[in-house]
Amino acid sequence: MFDANFHGGVFRAVAGSVSPGYYVHMANLFDYVSWRGDLDFDRFPFNPVDNIVFSQLSYLPMDGIVPEPGAEGFVSVGALAKLFAAKRRAAGIAPKSARDMMVSGAVSVLNAVGTAPRYEDCGLFAYVNNTDLGEEKQFSAFCAVVGRKRLSRKLLVVYRGTDTSLVGWKEDLNMTFVNSVPSQKEAVSYLEKVARRCSYPLILAGHSKGGNLAIYASAFCGKTTQGRITAIYANDAPGFHREIIRSESYAAVCRRIHAFVPQSSFVGMLLEHGESHIVVKSNATGFLQHNMCTWEVTRDNLFPGGKLTPQSLLVNNIIREWIGKFGEKERHTFIDALYKILVSANVTSFTELSADWPLAAVGIIGGLKHVDGPTKKLMGEIVGELFKTARKNIIGQHKKNTATDTPRNTDAFKDDISNFL
C-alpha cells in the first residue's frame, strides 16, 4: 500500500512499496469531487468531469422532491441529498441499496456532491420522468443552474439514459428502423420549455440514450435556443440514422458536441456518428465500462484512453454487419415480436428478468407459442445470422492477428464477446 497525493489529476505515490514519483492513473469522479469540490463554478468553470457528475445524477429518482416543469422554485443539490436520504429512510430502504447499477451510482454521486461547496448550492428544477407504454417512450430529464455570479451562470439541461424498463430498451431498439423516436421529440419540446425559464447560456449533457437526446434536442430546437447552446456533452451515446447526420440541423451543432466513449465502448459505437469522439480510460472491463463511475479523470478533464480496444472494434463490426443484413421492415418485425413475447411473460424490466430468470423463461417459452409461423421463422434466421456473423468475424480477426504476429489474448476476446452479445 502507499500514500498518495493528487497532482495534476492523477495520484502520485509518495511513500510505501511503490517508488516515489510513480504515477498511478486511477482517479475517478469521486476523487475529483473530493479534490476540486471546494472550488465554485465562478472560479473553476464547468468541465467534462462536471458533465459526468451531473449525467450520473440523472439516473436518480427525484420524483416528489425536485419541482416538475412549470412548477415554481427549485431544490438545491444539498437539499436534495438530505430529502432523498430522508425519503429512503422513511421507506425503510438502506442508504446504499439499489439493484440498478446506474441508480446505485447516482446515489453514491449524490452523497458525494451533497456537501461539496461546488455543487451543494446548484438549483435543480424541471424534473420529468415520463414512461408511456402505448407510445413506447421512456424519457427523463432535469435542469441545474451552475454558477453563483449572475454573469457567469449556465443552465445545464441533463437527459437520462435508458433505465432498466423493458419499454426503455424497446424504444432504443426502435432507433434501428426509425429516424426519430418519441423521447427524442420530447427532448426538443422540453429544451424549448426550460430555455424560456431563464436567459443563461445553455449546456446540454447526457449518458447513453441521454447523450443522443442532448444532441438531437440541440440540433432540432429553434434557432434562438440553438444559438444559446455553448456545449453538448454525449457520454458513450448511440448515434443516428444517416439522414440525420447529413442534415443541416445536425451540422449546425456538430462542432459544439463533446463526445466521450470508454476504450471498450459498445453503446457509443451504435448507428452513425458525424462528431469525432474522445476515447477515455476506464478502470473496468468490457461492457462495465459503460458506467461513468469507472471513468478516470484529471483535474479538469477525462483521462485519455488512446484507442478503442480490439474487442470493442470486433464486436461493433459484428453488430454493424449483422444489422446491415436485414431491412428496416425485418428489424421492425423482429423487435416487435421479441417485445411482445417478453410482455406476455409479464416482464416489465430487466431487473425482474434477472431476478427470477427461470420463471421468466417459462413465460417466454409460452409467449413463443403465440408467434405466427413466418415471424417465428424470421426470428430464427435473424438470431442464427448473428452467430454466423460473429463466428466469421472472430475467425477473420484470429487469422489477421496470426498473419501480422499481433499479440492477442483469447480469453479477453471470449470475455468481451460474452459480455457484449
Protein backbone atom coordinates (compact mmCIF):
# COMPACT_ATOMS: atom_id res chain seq x y z
CA MET A 1 0.00 0.00 0.00
CA PHE A 2 1.08 3.59 -0.37
CA ASP A 3 0.05 7.10 0.49
CA ALA A 4 -0.94 9.33 -2.40
CA ASN A 5 -1.36 12.98 -3.23
CA PHE A 6 -3.38 14.47 -6.07
CA HIS A 7 -1.11 16.11 -8.65
CA GLY A 8 -2.49 17.31 -11.97
CA GLY A 9 -5.45 14.96 -11.77
CA VAL A 10 -3.62 11.70 -11.04
CA PHE A 11 -2.46 10.02 -7.88
CA ARG A 12 1.25 10.29 -7.16
CA ALA A 13 2.73 7.74 -4.77
CA VAL A 14 4.91 9.34 -2.11
CA ALA A 15 5.69 6.52 0.27
CA GLY A 16 5.43 2.79 0.79
CA SER A 17 6.13 -0.11 -1.53
CA VAL A 18 5.76 1.99 -4.68
CA SER A 19 8.78 4.11 -5.59
CA PRO A 20 8.42 7.88 -5.13
CA GLY A 21 7.44 9.62 -8.33
CA TYR A 22 5.49 6.63 -9.69
CA TYR A 23 2.14 7.78 -11.09
CA VAL A 24 -0.96 5.60 -10.82
CA HIS A 25 -3.73 6.85 -13.09
CA MET A 26 -6.78 5.82 -11.09
CA ALA A 27 -8.66 8.96 -10.06
CA ASN A 28 -12.41 8.89 -10.78
CA LEU A 29 -15.26 11.36 -10.43
CA PHE A 30 -15.45 10.78 -6.67
CA ASP A 31 -11.79 11.74 -6.28
CA TYR A 32 -12.47 14.81 -8.41
CA VAL A 33 -15.32 15.88 -6.09
CA SER A 34 -13.05 15.33 -3.10
CA TRP A 35 -10.18 17.37 -4.51
CA ARG A 36 -11.95 20.08 -6.55
CA GLY A 37 -15.32 20.20 -4.77
CA ASP A 38 -14.36 23.28 -2.76
CA LEU A 39 -13.98 25.45 -5.90
CA ASP A 40 -17.15 27.09 -7.16
CA PHE A 41 -18.04 27.30 -10.85
CA ASP A 42 -17.14 31.00 -10.98
CA ARG A 43 -13.51 30.26 -10.10
CA PHE A 44 -13.23 26.86 -11.80
CA PRO A 45 -15.56 26.65 -14.84
CA PHE A 46 -17.76 23.73 -15.81
CA ASN A 47 -15.71 20.98 -17.46
CA PRO A 48 -16.11 17.42 -18.81
CA VAL A 49 -15.81 15.88 -15.33
CA ASP A 50 -18.70 18.01 -14.06
CA ASN A 51 -20.58 16.74 -17.10
CA ILE A 52 -20.33 13.09 -15.99
CA VAL A 53 -21.17 14.06 -12.39
CA PHE A 54 -24.50 15.59 -13.44
CA SER A 55 -25.11 12.95 -16.13
CA GLN A 56 -24.80 10.25 -13.45
CA LEU A 57 -27.20 12.19 -11.21
CA SER A 58 -29.82 11.99 -13.97
CA TYR A 59 -30.45 8.35 -13.02
CA LEU A 60 -31.57 9.40 -9.53
CA PRO A 61 -35.33 9.07 -8.92
CA MET A 62 -36.12 12.69 -7.94
CA ASP A 63 -39.91 12.26 -8.05
CA GLY A 64 -41.70 14.33 -5.41
CA ILE A 65 -38.54 16.24 -4.47
CA VAL A 66 -37.37 18.30 -7.45
CA PRO A 67 -40.10 20.56 -8.94
CA GLU A 68 -41.70 19.44 -12.19
CA PRO A 69 -41.65 21.55 -15.38
CA GLY A 70 -43.92 24.54 -14.91
CA ALA A 71 -43.72 24.43 -11.11
CA GLU A 72 -42.16 27.37 -9.28
CA GLY A 73 -38.91 27.28 -7.34
CA PHE A 74 -36.03 24.85 -7.23
CA VAL A 75 -34.26 22.45 -4.86
CA SER A 76 -30.53 22.76 -4.24
CA VAL A 77 -28.25 19.74 -4.60
CA GLY A 78 -27.55 19.91 -0.86
CA ALA A 79 -31.26 19.90 -0.02
CA LEU A 80 -31.88 17.06 -2.49
CA ALA A 81 -29.27 14.92 -0.73
CA LYS A 82 -30.96 15.42 2.64
CA LEU A 83 -34.52 14.98 1.34
CA PHE A 84 -33.64 11.92 -0.71
CA ALA A 85 -31.93 10.26 2.27
CA ALA A 86 -34.93 11.05 4.50
CA LYS A 87 -37.35 9.66 1.91
CA ARG A 88 -35.42 6.40 1.68
CA ARG A 89 -35.23 6.09 5.47
CA ALA A 90 -38.98 6.59 5.73
CA ALA A 91 -39.49 3.84 3.14
CA GLY A 92 -37.14 1.51 5.02
CA ILE A 93 -34.57 1.47 2.22
CA ALA A 94 -30.92 1.03 3.17
CA PRO A 95 -28.72 4.07 2.32
CA LYS A 96 -26.81 2.32 -0.46
CA SER A 97 -29.46 -0.20 -1.51
CA ALA A 98 -30.19 -0.18 -5.25
CA ARG A 99 -30.47 -3.15 -7.63
CA ASP A 100 -29.93 -0.92 -10.66
CA MET A 101 -26.22 -0.16 -11.22
CA MET A 102 -26.91 3.30 -12.64
CA VAL A 103 -29.24 4.26 -9.76
CA SER A 104 -26.71 2.95 -7.27
CA GLY A 105 -24.03 5.09 -8.91
CA ALA A 106 -26.32 8.12 -8.84
CA VAL A 107 -26.99 7.67 -5.11
CA SER A 108 -23.25 7.48 -4.45
CA VAL A 109 -22.63 10.61 -6.50
CA LEU A 110 -25.40 12.47 -4.67
CA ASN A 111 -23.85 11.53 -1.33
CA ALA A 112 -20.51 12.88 -2.55
CA VAL A 113 -21.72 16.19 -4.00
CA GLY A 114 -24.41 16.91 -1.40
CA THR A 115 -21.93 18.64 0.93
CA ALA A 116 -19.38 19.83 -1.66
CA PRO A 117 -19.37 23.65 -1.95
CA ARG A 118 -19.00 23.39 -5.73
CA TYR A 119 -22.34 21.62 -6.11
CA GLU A 120 -24.45 21.98 -2.96
CA ASP A 121 -25.99 25.34 -3.95
CA CYS A 122 -26.77 24.43 -7.57
CA GLY A 123 -30.51 24.79 -8.07
CA LEU A 124 -32.37 21.85 -9.61
CA PHE A 125 -35.77 22.14 -11.28
CA ALA A 126 -38.00 20.90 -14.13
CA TYR A 127 -37.56 17.22 -13.29
CA VAL A 128 -39.61 14.96 -15.52
CA ASN A 129 -39.86 11.17 -15.56
CA ASN A 130 -42.27 10.01 -18.22
CA THR A 131 -42.72 6.38 -19.27
CA ASP A 132 -45.52 5.63 -21.72
CA LEU A 133 -46.13 2.01 -22.71
CA GLY A 134 -48.51 2.98 -25.51
CA GLU A 135 -46.04 5.33 -27.15
CA GLU A 136 -43.12 3.05 -26.27
CA LYS A 137 -41.38 6.00 -24.65
CA GLN A 138 -39.04 6.38 -21.67
CA PHE A 139 -37.98 9.96 -21.04
CA SER A 140 -36.46 11.73 -18.07
CA ALA A 141 -34.55 14.97 -17.63
CA PHE A 142 -33.78 17.75 -15.16
CA CYS A 143 -32.18 21.19 -15.15
CA ALA A 144 -29.49 22.73 -12.95
CA VAL A 145 -28.27 26.30 -12.63
CA VAL A 146 -24.49 26.30 -12.13
CA GLY A 147 -22.55 29.37 -11.03
CA ARG A 148 -23.25 31.87 -8.26
CA LYS A 149 -22.49 35.12 -10.06
CA ARG A 150 -25.29 36.02 -12.42
CA LEU A 151 -22.98 36.88 -15.33
CA SER A 152 -21.22 33.52 -15.17
CA ARG A 153 -24.27 31.29 -14.64
CA LYS A 154 -25.14 28.48 -17.04
CA LEU A 155 -28.34 26.50 -17.43
CA LEU A 156 -27.47 22.82 -17.57
CA VAL A 157 -30.04 20.54 -19.22
CA VAL A 158 -29.41 16.87 -18.44
CA TYR A 159 -31.12 13.93 -20.12
CA ARG A 160 -31.30 10.48 -18.55
CA GLY A 161 -30.19 7.42 -20.48
CA THR A 162 -32.10 4.18 -20.75
CA ASP A 163 -33.27 2.76 -17.44
CA THR A 164 -33.96 -0.92 -16.77
CA SER A 165 -37.56 -0.76 -18.00
CA LEU A 166 -38.47 -3.01 -20.90
CA VAL A 167 -40.17 -0.16 -22.74
CA GLY A 168 -37.00 1.93 -22.45
CA TRP A 169 -34.97 -0.73 -24.22
CA LYS A 170 -37.73 -1.23 -26.79
CA GLU A 171 -37.51 2.45 -27.66
CA ASP A 172 -33.74 2.15 -28.06
CA LEU A 173 -34.15 -0.78 -30.43
CA ASN A 174 -36.74 1.19 -32.39
CA MET A 175 -33.92 3.57 -33.29
CA THR A 176 -32.59 0.92 -35.65
CA PHE A 177 -35.52 1.34 -38.05
CA VAL A 178 -36.96 4.85 -37.49
CA ASN A 179 -35.30 8.27 -37.74
CA SER A 180 -36.83 9.67 -34.56
CA VAL A 181 -38.45 8.10 -31.50
CA PRO A 182 -40.91 9.72 -29.02
CA SER A 183 -38.26 10.56 -26.39
CA GLN A 184 -36.21 12.47 -28.98
CA LYS A 185 -39.23 14.59 -29.88
CA GLU A 186 -39.98 15.22 -26.21
CA ALA A 187 -36.33 16.17 -25.66
CA VAL A 188 -36.79 19.03 -28.14
CA SER A 189 -40.01 20.33 -26.59
CA TYR A 190 -38.50 20.00 -23.09
CA LEU A 191 -35.46 22.07 -24.11
CA GLU A 192 -37.62 24.82 -25.60
CA LYS A 193 -39.79 24.93 -22.49
CA VAL A 194 -36.94 25.18 -19.95
CA ALA A 195 -34.97 27.61 -22.12
CA ARG A 196 -37.81 30.12 -21.69
CA ARG A 197 -37.40 29.99 -17.89
CA CYS A 198 -34.13 31.97 -17.93
CA SER A 199 -31.73 33.64 -20.34
CA TYR A 200 -28.48 31.92 -19.28
CA PRO A 201 -26.21 30.20 -21.83
CA LEU A 202 -27.15 26.54 -22.26
CA ILE A 203 -25.14 23.36 -21.73
CA LEU A 204 -26.72 20.02 -22.67
CA ALA A 205 -25.50 16.67 -21.37
CA GLY A 206 -26.47 13.04 -21.10
CA HIS A 207 -25.23 9.47 -20.88
CA SER A 208 -26.08 6.67 -23.31
CA LYS A 209 -29.50 7.46 -24.82
CA GLY A 210 -29.39 10.69 -22.79
CA GLY A 211 -26.41 11.86 -24.84
CA ASN A 212 -28.30 11.01 -28.01
CA LEU A 213 -31.23 13.11 -26.76
CA ALA A 214 -28.91 16.01 -25.93
CA ILE A 215 -27.56 16.05 -29.49
CA TYR A 216 -30.99 15.59 -31.08
CA ALA A 217 -32.58 18.36 -28.99
CA SER A 218 -29.78 20.79 -29.77
CA ALA A 219 -29.99 20.03 -33.50
CA PHE A 220 -33.76 20.32 -33.88
CA CYS A 221 -34.68 23.09 -31.43
CA GLY A 222 -35.45 26.61 -32.62
CA LYS A 223 -32.65 28.85 -33.90
CA THR A 224 -32.88 31.22 -30.93
CA THR A 225 -32.46 28.40 -28.41
CA GLN A 226 -29.79 26.76 -30.54
CA GLY A 227 -27.80 29.98 -30.57
CA ARG A 228 -27.57 29.94 -26.76
CA ILE A 229 -26.04 26.45 -26.60
CA THR A 230 -22.35 26.61 -25.72
CA ALA A 231 -21.61 22.89 -25.37
CA ILE A 232 -23.23 19.47 -25.82
CA TYR A 233 -21.83 16.51 -23.90
CA ALA A 234 -22.58 13.00 -25.14
CA ASN A 235 -21.19 10.21 -22.95
CA ASP A 236 -20.99 6.81 -24.65
CA ALA A 237 -24.10 7.72 -26.63
CA PRO A 238 -25.52 5.89 -29.66
CA GLY A 239 -25.69 7.72 -32.96
CA PHE A 240 -28.41 8.34 -35.55
CA HIS A 241 -29.56 7.34 -38.99
CA ARG A 242 -27.51 8.68 -41.88
CA GLU A 243 -30.28 11.13 -42.88
CA ILE A 244 -29.94 12.98 -39.56
CA ILE A 245 -26.14 13.02 -39.65
CA ARG A 246 -26.29 14.60 -43.13
CA SER A 247 -28.93 17.19 -42.17
CA GLU A 248 -28.26 20.92 -41.88
CA SER A 249 -29.72 20.83 -38.36
CA TYR A 250 -27.05 18.39 -37.19
CA ALA A 251 -24.29 20.28 -38.99
CA ALA A 252 -25.30 23.47 -37.15
CA VAL A 253 -24.31 22.00 -33.76
CA CYS A 254 -21.72 19.36 -34.65
CA ARG A 255 -18.72 21.48 -33.65
CA ARG A 256 -20.22 22.03 -30.20
CA ILE A 257 -20.51 18.30 -29.44
CA HIS A 258 -18.06 16.78 -26.95
CA ALA A 259 -18.41 13.02 -27.37
CA PHE A 260 -16.68 10.63 -24.98
CA VAL A 261 -16.50 6.83 -25.19
CA PRO A 262 -14.61 4.33 -23.00
CA GLN A 263 -11.97 2.05 -24.50
CA SER A 264 -14.35 -0.92 -24.75
CA SER A 265 -17.30 1.14 -25.96
CA PHE A 266 -20.26 -0.69 -27.42
CA VAL A 267 -23.29 1.59 -26.98
CA GLY A 268 -21.36 4.66 -28.12
CA MET A 269 -20.46 2.97 -31.42
CA LEU A 270 -24.01 2.08 -32.44
CA LEU A 271 -25.60 3.65 -35.55
CA GLU A 272 -23.96 6.55 -37.44
CA HIS A 273 -21.86 9.36 -35.95
CA GLY A 274 -20.81 12.66 -37.51
CA GLU A 275 -18.99 14.03 -34.48
CA SER A 276 -15.48 12.91 -33.54
CA HIS A 277 -15.15 11.13 -30.21
CA ILE A 278 -12.53 11.10 -27.48
CA VAL A 279 -11.64 7.71 -26.01
CA VAL A 280 -11.37 7.82 -22.22
CA LYS A 281 -9.74 5.39 -19.83
CA SER A 282 -11.84 3.22 -17.53
CA ASN A 283 -10.85 1.04 -14.60
CA ALA A 284 -13.45 -1.57 -15.58
CA THR A 285 -13.53 -4.13 -18.39
CA GLY A 286 -15.94 -4.91 -21.22
CA PHE A 287 -19.48 -3.59 -21.04
CA LEU A 288 -18.97 -2.42 -17.44
CA GLN A 289 -17.01 0.49 -18.90
CA HIS A 290 -20.36 1.98 -19.90
CA ASN A 291 -20.68 3.06 -16.25
CA MET A 292 -19.25 6.60 -15.94
CA CYS A 293 -18.24 5.98 -12.33
CA THR A 294 -15.45 3.80 -13.72
CA TRP A 295 -14.03 6.52 -15.98
CA GLU A 296 -10.71 8.01 -14.97
CA VAL A 297 -10.25 11.76 -14.68
CA THR A 298 -7.68 14.52 -14.41
CA ARG A 299 -8.00 17.82 -12.55
CA ASP A 300 -10.41 19.22 -15.16
CA ASN A 301 -10.93 16.59 -17.83
CA LEU A 302 -11.46 12.92 -18.57
CA PHE A 303 -8.28 10.88 -18.78
CA PRO A 304 -7.47 9.98 -22.42
CA GLY A 305 -7.51 6.26 -23.14
CA GLY A 306 -5.90 6.20 -26.57
CA LYS A 307 -7.73 3.91 -28.97
CA LEU A 308 -10.70 1.58 -28.78
CA THR A 309 -9.78 -1.96 -27.77
CA PRO A 310 -9.62 -4.71 -30.44
CA GLN A 311 -12.54 -6.38 -28.62
CA SER A 312 -14.67 -3.23 -28.98
CA LEU A 313 -13.87 -2.91 -32.68
CA LEU A 314 -14.58 -6.60 -33.25
CA VAL A 315 -17.95 -6.60 -31.50
CA ASN A 316 -19.06 -3.41 -33.21
CA ASN A 317 -18.09 -4.79 -36.62
CA ILE A 318 -20.20 -7.86 -35.84
CA ILE A 319 -23.24 -5.78 -34.82
CA ARG A 320 -22.98 -3.41 -37.79
CA GLU A 321 -22.63 -6.24 -40.29
CA TRP A 322 -25.45 -8.21 -38.67
CA ILE A 323 -27.88 -5.26 -38.62
CA GLY A 324 -26.95 -4.38 -42.21
CA LYS A 325 -28.07 -7.81 -43.44
CA PHE A 326 -31.72 -7.06 -42.68
CA GLY A 327 -34.01 -4.31 -43.89
CA GLU A 328 -35.96 -1.91 -41.67
CA LYS A 329 -39.16 -3.95 -42.06
CA GLU A 330 -37.45 -7.16 -40.91
CA ARG A 331 -35.81 -5.41 -37.95
CA HIS A 332 -39.17 -3.89 -37.01
CA THR A 333 -40.92 -7.28 -37.13
CA PHE A 334 -38.19 -8.98 -35.08
CA ILE A 335 -38.04 -6.29 -32.37
CA ASP A 336 -41.84 -6.05 -32.05
CA ALA A 337 -42.19 -9.82 -31.77
CA LEU A 338 -39.44 -10.08 -29.15
CA TYR A 339 -41.02 -7.26 -27.14
CA LYS A 340 -44.47 -8.88 -27.26
CA ILE A 341 -43.04 -12.19 -26.07
CA LEU A 342 -41.43 -10.52 -23.04
CA VAL A 343 -44.60 -8.55 -22.28
CA SER A 344 -46.68 -11.74 -22.46
CA ALA A 345 -44.29 -13.22 -19.89
CA ASN A 346 -45.20 -10.32 -17.55
CA VAL A 347 -41.67 -8.91 -17.76
CA THR A 348 -41.62 -5.12 -17.26
CA SER A 349 -37.92 -4.58 -16.53
CA PHE A 350 -34.59 -6.29 -16.94
CA THR A 351 -34.24 -6.20 -13.16
CA GLU A 352 -37.24 -8.53 -12.92
CA LEU A 353 -35.87 -10.67 -15.73
CA SER A 354 -32.54 -11.25 -13.98
CA ALA A 355 -34.11 -11.61 -10.51
CA ASP A 356 -36.22 -14.64 -11.45
CA TRP A 357 -34.85 -15.92 -14.74
CA PRO A 358 -36.30 -19.49 -14.50
CA LEU A 359 -39.85 -18.18 -14.07
CA ALA A 360 -39.36 -15.61 -16.84
CA ALA A 361 -38.01 -18.34 -19.15
CA VAL A 362 -41.21 -20.34 -18.70
CA GLY A 363 -43.25 -17.28 -19.66
CA ILE A 364 -41.04 -16.56 -22.67
CA ILE A 365 -41.39 -20.11 -23.95
CA GLY A 366 -45.15 -19.79 -23.52
CA GLY A 367 -45.11 -16.48 -25.41
CA LEU A 368 -43.36 -18.12 -28.39
CA LYS A 369 -46.44 -20.29 -28.91
CA HIS A 370 -48.43 -17.20 -29.88
CA VAL A 371 -45.97 -16.04 -32.55
CA ASP A 372 -47.12 -16.83 -36.10
CA GLY A 373 -45.09 -19.18 -38.26
CA PRO A 374 -43.47 -16.66 -40.67
CA THR A 375 -42.43 -14.37 -37.81
CA LYS A 376 -41.04 -17.26 -35.80
CA LYS A 377 -39.03 -18.36 -38.86
CA LEU A 378 -37.70 -14.82 -39.36
CA MET A 379 -36.66 -14.58 -35.70
CA GLY A 380 -34.77 -17.86 -36.02
CA GLU A 381 -33.00 -16.62 -39.15
CA ILE A 382 -32.00 -13.32 -37.53
CA VAL A 383 -30.65 -14.95 -34.35
CA GLY A 384 -28.86 -17.59 -36.42
CA GLU A 385 -27.32 -14.92 -38.62
CA LEU A 386 -25.94 -13.17 -35.53
CA PHE A 387 -23.93 -16.24 -34.56
CA LYS A 388 -22.77 -16.80 -38.14
CA THR A 389 -21.60 -13.19 -38.39
CA ALA A 390 -19.86 -13.38 -35.03
CA ARG A 391 -18.09 -16.61 -35.96
CA LYS A 392 -16.91 -15.22 -39.30
CA ASN A 393 -15.53 -12.02 -37.75
CA ILE A 394 -13.82 -13.80 -34.84
CA ILE A 395 -12.12 -16.27 -37.18
CA GLY A 396 -11.16 -13.42 -39.53
CA GLN A 397 -9.64 -11.43 -36.69
CA HIS A 398 -7.75 -14.51 -35.50
CA LYS A 399 -6.27 -15.06 -38.98
CA LYS A 400 -5.33 -11.39 -39.27
CA ASN A 401 -3.56 -11.45 -35.91
CA THR A 402 -1.71 -14.62 -36.89
CA ALA A 403 -0.61 -13.15 -40.22
CA THR A 404 0.71 -9.96 -38.64
CA ASP A 405 2.07 -11.62 -35.48
CA THR A 406 -0.14 -9.28 -33.42
CA PRO A 407 -0.24 -10.31 -29.74
CA ARG A 408 -3.70 -11.50 -28.79
CA ASN A 409 -5.48 -12.59 -25.66
CA THR A 410 -8.03 -15.31 -26.48
CA ASP A 411 -9.59 -15.19 -23.03
CA ALA A 412 -10.08 -11.41 -23.31
CA PHE A 413 -11.87 -11.88 -26.64
CA LYS A 414 -14.13 -14.57 -25.19
CA ASP A 415 -14.95 -12.45 -22.15
CA ASP A 416 -15.84 -9.36 -24.15
CA ILE A 417 -17.85 -11.28 -26.73
CA SER A 418 -19.93 -12.89 -23.97
CA ASN A 419 -20.39 -9.53 -22.23
CA PHE A 420 -21.49 -7.68 -25.35
CA LEU A 421 -23.58 -10.36 -27.05
